[in-house]
Protein backbone atom coordinates (compact mmCIF):
# COMPACT_ATOMS: atom_id res chain seq x y z
CA UNK A 1 3.48 45.43 23.63
CA UNK A 2 1.92 47.59 26.32
CA UNK A 3 1.38 45.96 29.72
CA UNK A 4 -1.79 48.06 30.05
CA UNK A 5 -3.13 46.53 26.81
CA UNK A 6 -2.29 43.04 28.11
CA UNK A 7 -4.28 43.79 31.23
CA UNK A 8 -7.27 44.98 29.21
CA UNK A 9 -7.22 42.25 26.54
CA UNK A 10 -5.34 39.19 27.69
CA UNK A 11 -4.78 37.21 24.47
CA UNK A 12 -2.91 33.91 24.15
CA UNK A 13 -2.54 32.12 20.79
CA UNK A 14 -1.29 28.55 20.65
CA UNK A 15 -0.12 26.65 17.58
CA UNK A 16 -1.46 23.14 17.42
CA UNK A 17 0.75 20.64 15.63
CA UNK A 18 -1.08 18.21 13.34
CA UNK A 19 -1.31 14.57 14.33
CA UNK A 20 1.41 12.64 12.55
CA UNK A 21 0.27 9.79 10.34
CA UNK A 22 2.91 7.07 10.02
CA UNK A 23 1.07 5.32 7.18
CA UNK A 24 2.08 5.82 3.57
CA UNK A 25 0.20 4.11 0.76
CA UNK A 26 2.73 4.96 -1.94
CA UNK A 27 5.98 3.60 -0.55
CA UNK A 28 7.79 0.32 -1.32
CA UNK A 29 9.95 -1.78 0.98
CA UNK A 30 12.62 -3.88 -0.75
CA UNK A 31 14.10 -6.88 1.05
CA UNK A 32 17.39 -8.41 -0.10
CA UNK A 33 20.99 -9.23 0.73
CA UNK A 34 23.30 -6.69 2.32
CA UNK A 35 25.83 -5.04 -0.05
CA UNK A 36 29.07 -6.83 -0.85
CA UNK A 37 30.94 -3.78 0.42
CA UNK A 38 29.02 -1.69 2.92
CA UNK A 39 29.08 2.07 2.44
CA UNK A 40 29.30 4.70 5.14
CA UNK A 41 25.51 5.20 5.21
CA UNK A 42 24.56 1.51 5.39
CA UNK A 43 21.80 0.53 7.83
CA UNK A 44 19.75 -2.62 8.42
CA UNK A 45 16.50 -0.82 7.55
CA UNK A 46 16.57 2.63 5.99
CA UNK A 47 14.89 5.07 3.62
CA UNK A 48 16.43 6.09 0.26
CA UNK A 49 15.39 9.00 -1.96
CA UNK A 50 17.47 8.09 -5.03
CA UNK A 51 19.55 5.38 -6.64
CA UNK A 52 22.64 7.44 -5.73
CA UNK A 53 21.77 7.06 -2.05
CA UNK A 54 21.36 3.30 -2.50
CA UNK A 55 24.82 3.23 -4.09
CA UNK A 56 26.29 5.28 -1.25
CA UNK A 57 25.03 2.66 1.19
CA UNK A 58 27.14 0.09 -0.66
CA UNK A 59 24.94 -1.64 -3.25
CA UNK A 60 26.35 -1.64 -6.78
CA UNK A 61 25.28 -2.75 -10.26
CA UNK A 62 24.28 -6.42 -10.61
CA UNK A 63 23.52 -6.70 -6.89
CA UNK A 64 19.85 -7.57 -6.46
CA UNK A 65 18.88 -4.61 -4.27
CA UNK A 66 20.59 -2.15 -6.63
CA UNK A 67 18.83 -3.56 -9.69
CA UNK A 68 15.43 -3.55 -7.97
CA UNK A 69 15.94 0.03 -6.74
CA UNK A 70 17.00 1.09 -10.25
CA UNK A 71 13.76 -0.25 -11.70
CA UNK A 72 11.76 1.60 -9.02
CA UNK A 73 13.48 4.93 -9.69
CA UNK A 74 13.28 4.82 -13.52
CA UNK A 75 9.50 4.72 -13.67
CA UNK A 76 7.78 7.68 -15.32
CA UNK A 77 6.75 9.08 -11.95
CA UNK A 78 9.49 7.80 -9.68
CA UNK A 79 8.82 7.32 -5.96
CA UNK A 80 9.84 10.04 -3.52
CA UNK A 81 11.71 7.36 -1.62
CA UNK A 82 11.84 3.63 -0.96
CA UNK A 83 12.74 1.56 2.08
CA UNK A 84 15.31 -1.24 2.07
CA UNK A 85 15.59 -3.96 4.71
CA UNK A 86 18.58 -6.29 4.83
CA UNK A 87 18.22 -10.05 5.02
CA UNK A 88 21.14 -11.30 7.11
CA UNK A 89 22.83 -14.68 7.18
CA UNK A 90 21.77 -16.93 10.03
CA UNK A 91 24.27 -17.19 12.85
CA UNK A 92 25.56 -20.74 13.45
CA UNK A 93 25.19 -19.97 17.14
CA UNK A 94 21.44 -20.02 18.03
CA UNK A 95 22.07 -17.18 20.47
CA UNK A 96 24.38 -15.28 18.14
CA UNK A 97 23.74 -12.31 15.93
CA UNK A 98 25.47 -11.52 12.63
CA UNK A 99 23.98 -8.04 12.28
CA UNK A 100 26.68 -5.52 11.46
CA UNK A 101 29.46 -8.10 11.92
CA UNK A 102 29.89 -9.47 8.40
CA UNK A 103 29.56 -8.15 4.87
CA UNK A 104 27.65 -9.95 2.15
CA UNK A 105 30.97 -11.23 0.79
CA UNK A 106 31.78 -12.84 4.15
CA UNK A 107 28.27 -14.27 4.36
CA UNK A 108 28.48 -16.03 0.98
CA UNK A 109 27.54 -19.68 1.32
CA UNK A 110 25.69 -19.19 4.59
CA UNK A 111 21.95 -19.75 4.84
CA UNK A 112 19.89 -16.57 4.97
CA UNK A 113 17.61 -15.85 7.90
CA UNK A 114 13.97 -16.76 7.37
CA UNK A 115 12.05 -14.17 5.37
CA UNK A 116 9.51 -13.93 8.20
CA UNK A 117 12.25 -12.73 10.55
CA UNK A 118 13.33 -10.02 8.10
CA UNK A 119 9.75 -8.84 7.51
CA UNK A 120 9.06 -8.70 11.25
CA UNK A 121 12.16 -6.55 11.63
CA UNK A 122 10.92 -4.26 8.85
CA UNK A 123 7.42 -4.02 10.35
CA UNK A 124 8.94 -2.12 13.27
CA UNK A 125 9.73 0.68 10.80
CA UNK A 126 6.58 2.64 9.82
CA UNK A 127 6.08 4.44 6.52
CA UNK A 128 5.96 1.70 3.88
CA UNK A 129 3.01 -0.17 2.38
CA UNK A 130 4.10 -2.45 -0.49
CA UNK A 131 6.57 -5.30 0.08
CA UNK A 132 8.81 -6.56 -2.74
CA UNK A 133 11.60 -9.14 -2.53
CA UNK A 134 14.85 -8.55 -4.40
CA UNK A 135 16.01 -12.13 -4.74
CA UNK A 136 14.12 -14.98 -3.12
CA UNK A 137 14.62 -18.59 -2.09
CA UNK A 138 12.19 -21.47 -2.40
CA UNK A 139 9.30 -20.97 -0.01
CA UNK A 140 9.97 -17.26 0.53
CA UNK A 141 6.88 -16.16 -1.41
CA UNK A 142 4.62 -18.45 0.59
CA UNK A 143 6.09 -17.25 3.90
CA UNK A 144 5.97 -13.57 2.94
CA UNK A 145 2.35 -13.85 1.77
CA UNK A 146 1.35 -15.53 5.03
CA UNK A 147 2.79 -12.81 7.26
CA UNK A 148 1.58 -9.91 5.09
CA UNK A 149 -1.96 -11.31 5.18
CA UNK A 150 -2.09 -10.51 8.91
CA UNK A 151 -0.98 -6.88 8.36
CA UNK A 152 -2.47 -3.88 6.57
CA UNK A 153 0.09 -3.91 3.79
CA UNK A 154 0.39 -5.65 0.41
CA UNK A 155 2.96 -8.01 -1.12
CA UNK A 156 3.90 -8.25 -4.81
CA UNK A 157 6.15 -10.78 -6.54
CA UNK A 158 7.28 -11.82 -10.01
CA UNK A 159 6.72 -15.41 -11.11
CA UNK A 160 9.31 -16.60 -13.65
CA UNK A 161 7.17 -19.61 -14.55
CA UNK A 162 3.49 -20.00 -15.36
CA UNK A 163 2.95 -21.52 -11.95
CA UNK A 164 1.94 -19.57 -8.88
CA UNK A 165 4.54 -20.06 -6.11
CA UNK A 166 1.87 -19.13 -3.52
CA UNK A 167 -0.48 -22.08 -3.18
CA UNK A 168 -3.00 -20.47 -0.81
CA UNK A 169 -5.76 -19.11 -3.04
CA UNK A 170 -7.56 -16.98 -0.44
CA UNK A 171 -4.91 -14.33 0.16
CA UNK A 172 -6.28 -10.83 -0.39
CA UNK A 173 -3.01 -8.93 0.17
CA UNK A 174 -0.69 -10.77 -2.20
CA UNK A 175 -0.48 -10.61 -5.99
CA UNK A 176 1.96 -11.86 -8.59
CA UNK A 177 2.89 -10.96 -12.14
CA UNK A 178 4.32 -13.42 -14.63
CA UNK A 179 7.41 -12.04 -16.36
CA UNK A 180 10.88 -12.97 -17.57
CA UNK A 181 12.08 -9.75 -15.90
CA UNK A 182 12.84 -10.44 -12.23
CA UNK A 183 11.70 -6.99 -11.06
CA UNK A 184 8.43 -6.54 -12.93
CA UNK A 185 6.65 -6.47 -9.58
CA UNK A 186 8.83 -3.58 -8.39
CA UNK A 187 8.08 -1.59 -11.55
CA UNK A 188 4.35 -2.26 -11.16
CA UNK A 189 4.30 -1.17 -7.52
CA UNK A 190 6.27 1.98 -8.31
CA UNK A 191 4.03 2.87 -11.24
CA UNK A 192 0.72 2.45 -9.42
CA UNK A 193 1.92 3.88 -6.12
CA UNK A 194 2.36 7.20 -7.94
CA UNK A 195 -1.46 7.50 -8.02
CA UNK A 196 -3.64 8.43 -5.04
CA UNK A 197 -5.43 5.40 -3.55
CA UNK A 198 -8.78 5.06 -5.26
CA UNK A 199 -7.81 7.06 -8.34
CA UNK A 200 -6.15 4.17 -10.19
CA UNK A 201 -6.61 0.76 -11.67
CA UNK A 202 -3.61 -1.58 -11.89
CA UNK A 203 -4.52 -2.77 -15.39
CA UNK A 204 -3.32 -1.14 -18.63
CA UNK A 205 -0.12 0.29 -17.13
CA UNK A 206 3.16 0.55 -19.06
CA UNK A 207 6.27 -0.31 -17.04
CA UNK A 208 9.61 1.35 -17.75
CA UNK A 209 12.57 -1.01 -18.03
CA UNK A 210 10.44 -4.17 -18.29
CA UNK A 211 10.02 -6.25 -21.45
CA UNK A 212 6.54 -7.63 -22.14
CA UNK A 213 5.88 -11.36 -22.36
CA UNK A 214 5.06 -12.81 -25.76
CA UNK A 215 2.34 -15.27 -24.74
CA UNK A 216 -0.62 -16.89 -26.45
CA UNK A 217 -4.27 -16.49 -25.51
CA UNK A 218 -4.17 -20.04 -24.13
CA UNK A 219 -1.24 -19.11 -21.89
CA UNK A 220 -3.12 -16.04 -20.73
CA UNK A 221 -5.99 -18.27 -19.63
CA UNK A 222 -3.51 -20.53 -17.86
CA UNK A 223 -2.06 -17.56 -15.96
CA UNK A 224 -5.55 -16.42 -14.97
CA UNK A 225 -6.28 -19.93 -13.66
CA UNK A 226 -3.06 -19.66 -11.63
CA UNK A 227 -4.24 -16.29 -10.24
CA UNK A 228 -1.27 -14.53 -11.86
CA UNK A 229 -1.29 -11.19 -13.67
CA UNK A 230 0.87 -10.56 -16.74
CA UNK A 231 2.49 -7.89 -18.94
CA UNK A 232 1.94 -8.11 -22.69
CA UNK A 233 2.16 -6.04 -25.89
CA UNK A 234 -1.18 -4.88 -27.29
CA UNK A 235 -1.85 -2.54 -30.23
CA UNK A 236 1.59 -0.97 -30.13
CA UNK A 237 1.70 -0.54 -26.38
CA UNK A 238 2.87 -2.76 -23.50
CA UNK A 239 0.23 -3.16 -20.78
CA UNK A 240 -0.38 -4.94 -17.49
CA UNK A 241 -3.35 -7.30 -17.06
CA UNK A 242 -5.44 -7.76 -14.84
CA UNK A 243 -4.56 -6.22 -11.45
CA UNK A 244 -6.00 -8.83 -9.08
CA UNK A 245 -4.94 -10.25 -5.75
CA UNK A 246 -4.50 -14.02 -5.52
CA UNK A 247 -7.85 -14.19 -3.70
CA UNK A 248 -9.64 -12.47 -6.59
CA UNK A 249 -10.15 -8.92 -5.27
CA UNK A 250 -8.76 -5.99 -7.25
CA UNK A 251 -5.47 -4.57 -5.93
CA UNK A 252 -6.75 -0.98 -6.12
CA UNK A 253 -9.80 -1.84 -3.98
CA UNK A 254 -7.66 -3.28 -1.17
CA UNK A 255 -5.35 -0.27 -1.26
CA UNK A 256 -8.26 2.18 -1.22
CA UNK A 257 -9.94 0.35 1.66
CA UNK A 258 -6.74 0.51 3.72
CA UNK A 259 -6.39 4.23 2.96
CA UNK A 260 -10.02 4.91 3.89
CA UNK A 261 -9.71 3.12 7.23
CA UNK A 262 -6.46 4.90 8.06
CA UNK A 263 -7.82 8.35 7.20
CA UNK A 264 -10.97 7.83 9.25
CA UNK A 265 -8.96 6.67 12.27
CA UNK A 266 -6.52 9.59 12.04
CA UNK A 267 -9.22 12.25 11.63
CA UNK A 268 -11.29 11.07 14.58
CA UNK A 269 -8.19 10.61 16.74
CA UNK A 270 -7.17 14.17 15.87
CA UNK A 271 -10.66 15.32 16.87
CA UNK A 272 -10.20 13.79 20.33
CA UNK A 273 -6.69 15.22 20.73
CA UNK A 274 -7.48 18.80 19.69
CA UNK A 275 -10.55 19.33 21.86
CA UNK A 276 -10.63 19.49 25.65
CA UNK A 277 -13.44 16.94 25.34
CA UNK A 278 -16.07 15.73 22.91
CA UNK A 279 -19.36 15.78 24.86
CA UNK A 280 -21.57 12.69 24.78
CA UNK A 281 -24.41 14.73 23.30
CA UNK A 282 -25.93 15.13 19.85
CA UNK A 283 -23.51 18.01 19.24
CA UNK A 284 -20.52 15.82 20.13
CA UNK A 285 -21.74 12.88 18.03
CA UNK A 286 -22.17 15.21 15.05
CA UNK A 287 -18.47 16.15 15.32
CA UNK A 288 -17.59 12.48 14.85
CA UNK A 289 -20.08 12.24 11.98
CA UNK A 290 -18.51 15.27 10.30
CA UNK A 291 -15.10 13.62 10.28
CA UNK A 292 -16.50 10.41 8.80
CA UNK A 293 -18.22 12.39 6.06
CA UNK A 294 -15.09 14.45 5.37
CA UNK A 295 -13.05 11.30 4.70
CA UNK A 296 -15.76 9.79 2.50
CA UNK A 297 -16.05 13.04 0.55
CA UNK A 298 -12.29 13.01 -0.02
CA UNK A 299 -12.49 9.38 -1.16
CA UNK A 300 -15.24 10.39 -3.57
CA UNK A 301 -13.19 13.32 -4.88
CA UNK A 302 -10.16 11.17 -5.75
CA UNK A 303 -12.35 8.56 -7.45
CA UNK A 304 -12.58 5.65 -5.03
CA UNK A 305 -16.24 6.24 -4.10
CA UNK A 306 -18.96 6.72 -6.69
CA UNK A 307 -20.63 10.10 -7.17
CA UNK A 308 -24.31 10.55 -6.40
CA UNK A 309 -26.26 9.21 -9.37
CA UNK A 310 -29.94 9.04 -10.28
CA UNK A 311 -32.18 6.14 -11.22
CA UNK A 312 -34.80 6.07 -13.97
CA UNK A 313 -37.27 7.79 -11.61
CA UNK A 314 -34.79 10.59 -10.98
CA UNK A 315 -34.32 9.38 -7.39
CA UNK A 316 -30.80 9.94 -6.01
CA UNK A 317 -28.47 7.00 -5.40
CA UNK A 318 -25.97 8.49 -3.00
CA UNK A 319 -22.28 7.68 -3.22
CA UNK A 320 -22.17 7.32 0.55
CA UNK A 321 -24.49 7.58 3.53
CA UNK A 322 -23.43 8.07 7.17
CA UNK A 323 -25.69 7.23 10.11
CA UNK A 324 -24.99 7.96 13.77
CA UNK A 325 -27.15 7.41 16.88
CA UNK A 326 -28.98 10.12 18.79
CA UNK A 327 -27.63 10.64 22.28
CA UNK A 328 -31.10 10.18 23.79
CA UNK A 329 -31.41 6.73 22.23
CA UNK A 330 -28.37 5.42 24.12
CA UNK A 331 -28.61 3.97 27.60
CA UNK A 332 -27.03 5.53 30.68
CA UNK A 333 -24.58 2.65 30.81
CA UNK A 334 -23.47 3.31 27.22
CA UNK A 335 -22.91 6.99 27.91
CA UNK A 336 -21.10 6.20 31.15
CA UNK A 337 -18.72 3.89 29.26
CA UNK A 338 -17.66 6.85 27.06
CA UNK A 339 -17.64 4.52 24.07
CA UNK A 340 -19.66 5.77 21.09
CA UNK A 341 -20.97 2.84 19.06
CA UNK A 342 -23.47 2.67 16.22
CA UNK A 343 -21.62 5.04 13.85
CA UNK A 344 -21.95 3.48 10.40
CA UNK A 345 -21.45 4.33 6.75
CA UNK A 346 -22.29 2.71 3.47
CA UNK A 347 -20.39 3.71 0.35
CA UNK A 348 -20.54 2.59 -3.28
CA UNK A 349 -17.17 1.84 -4.87
CA UNK A 350 -16.60 3.65 -8.14
CA UNK A 351 -14.69 0.63 -9.46
CA UNK A 352 -13.20 0.71 -12.97
CA UNK A 353 -14.11 -0.42 -16.47
CA UNK A 354 -11.58 -2.92 -17.83
CA UNK A 355 -13.55 -4.39 -20.73
CA UNK A 356 -16.15 -2.87 -23.06
CA UNK A 357 -18.64 -4.98 -24.99
CA UNK A 358 -20.00 -3.18 -28.05
CA UNK A 359 -22.72 -4.10 -30.51
CA UNK A 360 -23.83 -2.27 -33.63
CA UNK A 361 -25.37 -2.52 -37.06
CA UNK A 362 -24.29 -1.23 -40.41
CA UNK A 363 -27.09 -0.34 -42.78
CA UNK A 364 -27.45 1.19 -46.27
């Protein structure tokens, strides 16, 4: 280009990279034993895009991790990838470390490390949301549920008996499914993680590779009392029921809430990063408001938040409402702190219909 033109019109164009979001609300983490014979690509915690990659890392048929991964990848809409974290044997030396030193065959007979230790190791790796155990010992479910409750992830398990192995009834991030198939929970996670958060319900889903349970209505009531979901045949189709956390909230609501929070944080963080500054004025506050509304509008579009509806007087009932303060209403001390508080929203969940009650009359 001409130097004269540069002197007349000095133009610089920069390319701004988007803010990376480490959260993924459609990815499973499997925890289980290391392979009997480690492959060349084996790692303690890693990401796998296919069953072939899992096999290359060393896991083979009949090993728990392989079978769980197979169930994940045979679902109708298989996951793009899954994570696997290895549960090592405990070292007899309190200060020792068995990582990378022994294969699963050499570890046979040794006690496994506590499930909490394995999960904490996995939590250092971002990108997964749903935890599933491939093989578990007594007490593992209780421990896993306890640690997941303090995170922003969810934990699913399969109960082989009509008794909930997690005794705490208030957990809102743990759910179980009764099934004779050990990996029904993996299939369920994989199936429902293929939907955008807020667009799905976890009931009425058919799981590939999983046989339904032939149970009576009385047994269904027993499972519901135990806060366990189940998978049964109904009218020629196999379906999941009901899709609830142990604490009673719907699984899809918890997942959508986590997604909504994450998106709002990322958008406003990106706003701060991409601008030289956001002024503490009405104009600056509106920029924050715009990002809040953009996330809520997206949540409404995918089905998590209700559309605007109208009452019997034709008055609108908005799906969401955002309120922010006026700069003039804030004190000098508040503005000097550079902390904007008082930004609020209220949104109506779209929810889902699981049961329909119909009444009618037949007349001549």
